[in-house]
Amino acid sequence: MEFKHYSVLLKETIDNLMIKPDGVYLDGTLGGGGHSEAILSHLSAKGHHYGVDQDEAAIEAATKRLAPFSDRLTIIRNNYCNAVDALRSMGVDGVDGIVLDLGVSSYQLDNADRGFTYKVDADLDMRMDRRQTLTAKTIVNTYSESQLFHVIKDYGEDNFAKNIAKHIVIEREKKPIETTFELNEIIRASIPAKIREKGGHPSKRTFQALRIECNAELDVLKNSLEGMIDFLNPGGRLCIITFHSLEDRIVKSAFRTAENPCTCPPDFPVCVCGKVPKGKVITRKPILPSEEELEVNSRSASAKLRVFEKKG
């Protein structure tokens, strides 16, 4: 299956990166290479771009797509949380811009055997990096009822998390839960019919929660942002596209702290903590997809772009 991923908020991201032709850039979520292709098309022979992704299918697809730019491109298979260390080990001291597109790719959603979607019957997998051992199937069949409740409640923000966790535990005692459709049926039975009729697909929130837990997505994001801001050259920009409120909250908070890190009590006449601003938040409100983009790609509906600029 061809690796496809519509690059969400592409123009807005590229405009906000303010690309310098001779600059150095990092795409921490390479995917199908859409954002990277746009960045590379703005670079001169003196510029360089680094693309990082943990998914082998993404690496393969992006390598083909970006072949015309191979003289100014380095592709690395890794999680973006390790990107700064990887670049430092290659002698790179800083970059002029970083992009993170935190969405699941269309390929990952549409490729049945990846187990990301509730729309196709497949093995419960959900690993973005298939080298790791933890899968959604492991989570569903081995986590305690309390652990499952917290995953579904905290990461899926599902009001029926308690009931869903209880039903999962009841059903897995009869037989292991192996596939997406088996899990769908359990979730469906856990939610009152009236609610099922009104809302979207009953499995949407639980599947999101399992995917986040399986790939430690929120921890990875939290642990990456400060290091990425520090890795920017003066005037460099960090552009992050999120797809749900949990991610957006983390990014918004990290940007705010980087802009105003002072921890002194508000009534102190002068700052004594010594923490100085690292730069400024460019997007007071997140940038959202245009009507035109929503018509072309309905999956971009929940996307938000936030931008931070390192102090010059």
Protein backbone atom coordinates (compact mmCIF):
# COMPACT_ATOMS: atom_id res chain seq x y z
CA MET A 1 0.00 0.00 0.00
CA GLU A 2 1.29 3.47 -0.95
CA PHE A 3 2.20 5.75 1.98
CA LYS A 4 -0.20 8.69 1.73
CA HIS A 5 -0.47 11.59 4.10
CA TYR A 6 -2.14 14.90 3.36
CA SER A 7 0.10 17.63 4.79
CA VAL A 8 -2.20 19.60 7.06
CA LEU A 9 -1.82 23.41 7.34
CA LEU A 10 1.05 23.18 4.85
CA LYS A 11 1.07 26.79 3.57
CA GLU A 12 0.53 28.21 7.05
CA THR A 13 3.40 26.14 8.48
CA ILE A 14 5.83 27.05 5.70
CA ASP A 15 4.89 30.76 5.92
CA ASN A 16 5.50 30.75 9.68
CA LEU A 17 8.86 28.98 9.42
CA MET A 18 10.19 32.02 7.51
CA ILE A 19 12.69 29.78 5.72
CA LYS A 20 16.18 31.08 4.98
CA PRO A 21 17.60 29.53 1.78
CA ASP A 22 20.94 28.74 3.48
CA GLY A 23 19.34 27.62 6.77
CA VAL A 24 19.18 24.28 8.57
CA TYR A 25 15.77 22.72 9.30
CA LEU A 26 14.32 19.72 11.09
CA ASP A 27 11.08 17.87 10.43
CA GLY A 28 10.64 15.63 13.47
CA THR A 29 7.61 13.83 12.02
CA LEU A 30 8.64 13.20 8.44
CA GLY A 31 5.64 11.05 7.47
CA GLY A 32 5.11 11.05 3.70
CA GLY A 33 7.45 14.03 3.34
CA GLY A 34 4.94 16.76 2.46
CA HIS A 35 6.18 19.42 4.87
CA SER A 36 9.80 18.42 4.20
CA GLU A 37 9.33 18.69 0.42
CA ALA A 38 8.00 22.25 0.83
CA ILE A 39 10.92 23.19 3.11
CA LEU A 40 13.50 21.64 0.76
CA SER A 41 12.06 23.50 -2.23
CA HIS A 42 12.95 26.77 -0.44
CA LEU A 43 16.55 25.75 0.36
CA SER A 44 19.66 26.55 -1.65
CA ALA A 45 22.52 24.10 -2.12
CA LYS A 46 24.02 25.58 1.08
CA GLY A 47 20.93 24.79 3.17
CA HIS A 48 20.24 21.44 4.81
CA HIS A 49 17.21 19.59 6.05
CA TYR A 50 16.87 16.69 8.50
CA GLY A 51 13.82 14.42 8.41
CA VAL A 52 13.07 12.12 11.35
CA ASP A 53 10.43 9.39 11.64
CA GLN A 54 10.10 6.13 13.56
CA ASP A 55 7.83 4.41 11.01
CA GLU A 56 9.70 2.31 8.45
CA ALA A 57 6.95 2.81 5.85
CA ALA A 58 7.24 6.59 6.22
CA ILE A 59 11.02 6.47 5.85
CA GLU A 60 10.71 4.41 2.67
CA ALA A 61 8.04 6.66 1.14
CA ALA A 62 9.76 9.93 2.05
CA THR A 63 13.13 8.70 0.74
CA LYS A 64 11.53 8.14 -2.69
CA ARG A 65 9.54 11.36 -2.68
CA LEU A 66 12.45 13.53 -1.59
CA ALA A 67 15.08 11.87 -3.83
CA PRO A 68 15.44 15.02 -6.00
CA PHE A 69 16.72 16.87 -2.90
CA SER A 70 19.08 14.17 -1.65
CA ASP A 71 22.10 16.52 -1.77
CA ARG A 72 20.66 18.69 1.03
CA LEU A 73 18.72 16.04 2.98
CA THR A 74 19.48 13.60 5.79
CA ILE A 75 16.78 11.09 6.84
CA ILE A 76 16.98 9.46 10.27
CA ARG A 77 14.80 6.64 11.63
CA ASN A 78 14.09 7.60 15.21
CA ASN A 79 11.46 9.08 17.51
CA TYR A 80 11.41 12.88 17.39
CA CYS A 81 12.17 13.00 21.12
CA ASN A 82 15.68 11.78 20.21
CA ALA A 83 16.07 14.12 17.21
CA VAL A 84 18.09 16.84 18.96
CA ASP A 85 20.56 14.31 20.39
CA ALA A 86 20.82 12.60 17.00
CA LEU A 87 21.63 15.90 15.26
CA ARG A 88 24.10 16.93 17.96
CA SER A 89 25.92 13.60 17.49
CA MET A 90 26.24 14.52 13.79
CA GLY A 91 27.87 17.84 14.67
CA VAL A 92 24.79 20.07 14.27
CA ASP A 93 24.77 22.84 16.92
CA GLY A 94 21.32 24.25 16.15
CA VAL A 95 18.63 24.66 13.52
CA ASP A 96 16.68 27.60 12.07
CA GLY A 97 13.31 25.88 12.23
CA ILE A 98 11.55 22.74 13.44
CA VAL A 99 8.23 21.23 12.35
CA LEU A 100 6.19 18.65 14.26
CA ASP A 101 2.98 17.36 12.67
CA LEU A 102 1.59 15.17 15.44
CA GLY A 103 -1.25 13.61 13.45
CA VAL A 104 -1.49 9.93 12.61
CA SER A 105 -0.82 9.61 8.88
CA SER A 106 -3.56 8.66 6.44
CA TYR A 107 -1.45 5.63 5.60
CA GLN A 108 -1.42 4.45 9.20
CA LEU A 109 -5.19 4.93 9.49
CA ASP A 110 -6.06 3.39 6.13
CA ASN A 111 -3.62 0.47 6.21
CA ALA A 112 -5.71 -2.22 7.92
CA ASP A 113 -2.87 -4.30 9.36
CA ARG A 114 -1.60 -1.37 11.46
CA GLY A 115 -4.70 -1.64 13.69
CA PHE A 116 -5.09 2.12 14.21
CA THR A 117 -8.67 2.41 13.02
CA TYR A 118 -11.98 1.11 14.32
CA LYS A 119 -13.36 1.15 10.74
CA VAL A 120 -11.50 -1.96 9.53
CA ASP A 121 -11.20 -5.37 11.21
CA ALA A 122 -7.53 -5.98 11.99
CA ASP A 123 -5.11 -7.13 14.64
CA LEU A 124 -4.96 -4.69 17.58
CA ASP A 125 -1.50 -3.23 16.96
CA MET A 126 -1.25 0.61 16.87
CA ARG A 127 2.55 0.78 17.05
CA MET A 128 4.05 3.72 15.17
CA ASP A 129 7.43 2.05 15.49
CA ARG A 130 7.03 -1.66 14.85
CA ARG A 131 10.35 -2.38 16.55
CA GLN A 132 8.74 -1.83 19.95
CA THR A 133 7.07 -4.73 21.75
CA LEU A 134 4.11 -2.99 23.42
CA THR A 135 0.95 -3.16 21.27
CA ALA A 136 -2.67 -2.15 21.81
CA LYS A 137 -3.47 -5.86 22.16
CA THR A 138 -1.03 -6.12 25.10
CA ILE A 139 -2.62 -3.09 26.77
CA VAL A 140 -6.19 -4.36 26.34
CA ASN A 141 -5.38 -7.85 27.59
CA THR A 142 -2.90 -7.18 30.41
CA TYR A 143 -3.61 -3.77 31.98
CA SER A 144 -5.67 -3.86 35.18
CA GLU A 145 -9.22 -2.51 35.13
CA SER A 146 -8.01 0.58 37.00
CA GLN A 147 -5.16 1.17 34.51
CA LEU A 148 -7.53 0.78 31.55
CA PHE A 149 -9.99 3.20 33.14
CA HIS A 150 -7.30 5.86 33.58
CA VAL A 151 -5.96 5.42 30.02
CA ILE A 152 -9.44 5.71 28.46
CA LYS A 153 -10.51 8.56 30.78
CA ASP A 154 -7.28 10.59 30.65
CA TYR A 155 -6.31 10.09 27.01
CA GLY A 156 -9.72 9.50 25.42
CA GLU A 157 -11.69 11.85 27.68
CA ASP A 158 -14.53 9.33 27.47
CA ASN A 159 -17.37 9.67 29.99
CA PHE A 160 -17.98 5.92 29.83
CA ALA A 161 -14.36 4.95 30.56
CA LYS A 162 -15.29 3.09 33.76
CA ASN A 163 -17.89 0.95 32.01
CA ILE A 164 -15.66 0.30 28.97
CA ALA A 165 -12.76 -0.81 31.21
CA LYS A 166 -15.09 -3.10 33.19
CA HIS A 167 -16.48 -4.72 30.02
CA ILE A 168 -13.00 -5.23 28.55
CA VAL A 169 -11.91 -7.12 31.68
CA ILE A 170 -15.10 -9.25 31.69
CA GLU A 171 -14.73 -10.20 28.02
CA ARG A 172 -11.00 -10.94 28.07
CA GLU A 173 -11.56 -13.49 30.85
CA LYS A 174 -13.60 -15.51 28.33
CA LYS A 175 -10.99 -15.17 25.57
CA PRO A 176 -8.19 -12.74 24.64
CA ILE A 177 -9.33 -9.65 22.71
CA GLU A 178 -7.45 -9.89 19.43
CA THR A 179 -8.98 -7.57 16.83
CA THR A 180 -10.34 -4.05 16.33
CA PHE A 181 -13.88 -5.30 15.65
CA GLU A 182 -13.87 -7.46 18.78
CA LEU A 183 -12.97 -4.36 20.77
CA ASN A 184 -15.61 -2.32 18.88
CA GLU A 185 -18.34 -4.71 20.04
CA ILE A 186 -17.21 -4.51 23.67
CA ILE A 187 -17.13 -0.69 23.58
CA ARG A 188 -20.52 -0.58 21.84
CA ALA A 189 -22.07 -2.73 24.58
CA SER A 190 -20.59 -0.43 27.23
CA ILE A 191 -22.30 2.75 25.99
CA PRO A 192 -26.07 3.41 26.30
CA ALA A 193 -27.97 3.26 22.98
CA LYS A 194 -29.23 6.85 23.31
CA ILE A 195 -25.68 8.17 23.57
CA ARG A 196 -24.48 5.99 20.68
CA GLU A 197 -27.12 7.49 18.39
CA LYS A 198 -26.08 11.08 19.15
CA GLY A 199 -22.29 11.02 19.22
CA GLY A 200 -19.75 9.92 16.63
CA HIS A 201 -18.43 6.36 16.46
CA PRO A 202 -18.47 4.91 20.01
CA SER A 203 -14.91 3.57 19.64
CA LYS A 204 -13.27 6.83 18.56
CA ARG A 205 -12.17 8.01 22.00
CA THR A 206 -11.02 4.61 23.27
CA PHE A 207 -8.95 3.98 20.12
CA GLN A 208 -7.33 7.41 20.49
CA ALA A 209 -6.54 6.62 24.13
CA LEU A 210 -4.99 3.24 23.32
CA ARG A 211 -2.88 4.74 20.52
CA ILE A 212 -1.57 7.50 22.82
CA GLU A 213 -0.73 4.97 25.54
CA CYS A 214 0.86 2.48 23.13
CA ASN A 215 3.18 5.13 21.68
CA ALA A 216 3.64 7.22 24.87
CA GLU A 217 2.68 10.19 22.70
CA LEU A 218 2.02 12.77 25.42
CA ASP A 219 5.14 11.90 27.42
CA VAL A 220 7.25 12.10 24.27
CA LEU A 221 5.79 15.52 23.47
CA LYS A 222 6.24 16.89 27.01
CA ASN A 223 9.83 15.66 27.15
CA SER A 224 10.79 17.12 23.74
CA LEU A 225 9.62 20.72 23.68
CA GLU A 226 12.13 22.44 25.95
CA GLY A 227 15.07 20.73 24.24
CA MET A 228 13.74 21.69 20.81
CA ILE A 229 13.31 25.35 21.80
CA ASP A 230 16.88 25.36 23.20
CA PHE A 231 18.14 23.80 19.93
CA LEU A 232 16.77 26.65 17.80
CA ASN A 233 19.22 29.24 16.51
CA PRO A 234 18.42 32.88 17.42
CA GLY A 235 15.26 33.88 15.52
CA GLY A 236 14.51 30.23 14.71
CA ARG A 237 10.93 28.99 14.87
CA LEU A 238 9.21 25.87 16.20
CA CYS A 239 5.91 25.06 14.41
CA ILE A 240 3.72 22.36 15.95
CA ILE A 241 0.47 20.95 14.56
CA THR A 242 -1.71 19.14 17.10
CA PHE A 243 -4.91 17.15 16.59
CA HIS A 244 -6.53 16.94 20.00
CA SER A 245 -6.89 19.09 23.10
CA LEU A 246 -4.43 17.06 25.21
CA GLU A 247 -1.53 17.73 22.79
CA ASP A 248 -2.57 21.33 22.23
CA ARG A 249 -2.64 22.02 25.97
CA ILE A 250 0.91 20.66 26.38
CA VAL A 251 2.24 22.79 23.50
CA LYS A 252 0.41 25.94 24.65
CA SER A 253 1.73 25.51 28.20
CA ALA A 254 5.33 24.82 27.10
CA PHE A 255 5.35 27.87 24.80
CA ARG A 256 3.91 30.08 27.54
CA THR A 257 6.54 28.88 30.04
CA ALA A 258 9.36 29.44 27.52
CA GLU A 259 8.10 32.99 26.95
CA ASN A 260 7.62 33.76 30.64
CA PRO A 261 9.63 31.29 32.76
CA CYS A 262 9.83 33.48 35.89
CA THR A 263 8.73 31.53 38.99
CA CYS A 264 8.87 34.44 41.45
CA PRO A 265 5.70 35.22 43.42
CA PRO A 266 3.58 37.85 41.63
CA ASP A 267 4.04 40.40 44.45
CA PHE A 268 7.86 40.39 44.16
CA PRO A 269 9.00 43.83 42.90
CA VAL A 270 11.88 42.32 40.88
CA CYS A 271 12.69 38.86 39.51
CA VAL A 272 15.15 36.90 41.66
CA CYS A 273 14.73 33.41 40.15
CA GLY A 274 17.05 34.31 37.27
CA LYS A 275 14.94 32.55 34.62
CA VAL A 276 14.93 34.57 31.42
CA PRO A 277 12.52 34.34 28.47
CA LYS A 278 13.68 32.05 25.64
CA GLY A 279 11.62 33.83 23.01
CA LYS A 280 8.05 34.73 22.17
CA VAL A 281 4.81 32.99 21.24
CA ILE A 282 3.87 34.02 17.69
CA THR A 283 0.38 32.51 17.78
CA ARG A 284 -1.72 33.95 20.62
CA LYS A 285 -4.53 31.87 19.20
CA PRO A 286 -3.79 28.71 17.19
CA ILE A 287 -3.96 28.83 13.40
CA LEU A 288 -6.80 26.64 12.09
CA PRO A 289 -7.35 25.05 8.65
CA SER A 290 -9.10 27.17 6.03
CA GLU A 291 -12.54 26.29 4.62
CA GLU A 292 -10.79 25.24 1.39
CA GLU A 293 -8.54 22.82 3.25
CA LEU A 294 -11.47 21.33 5.17
CA GLU A 295 -13.25 20.64 1.88
CA VAL A 296 -10.22 18.78 0.53
CA ASN A 297 -9.35 16.91 3.73
CA SER A 298 -11.97 16.47 6.45
CA ARG A 299 -9.33 14.83 8.70
CA SER A 300 -7.74 18.25 9.20
CA ALA A 301 -10.84 19.53 11.08
CA SER A 302 -9.26 19.27 14.55
CA ALA A 303 -5.79 20.53 13.53
CA LYS A 304 -4.21 23.51 15.31
CA LEU A 305 -0.88 25.16 14.53
CA ARG A 306 1.10 26.96 17.24
CA VAL A 307 4.38 28.79 16.63
CA PHE A 308 7.23 29.84 18.94
CA GLU A 309 10.18 32.06 17.99
CA LYS A 310 13.55 31.86 19.75
CA LYS A 311 14.95 35.12 21.05
CA GLY A 312 17.17 36.80 18.46
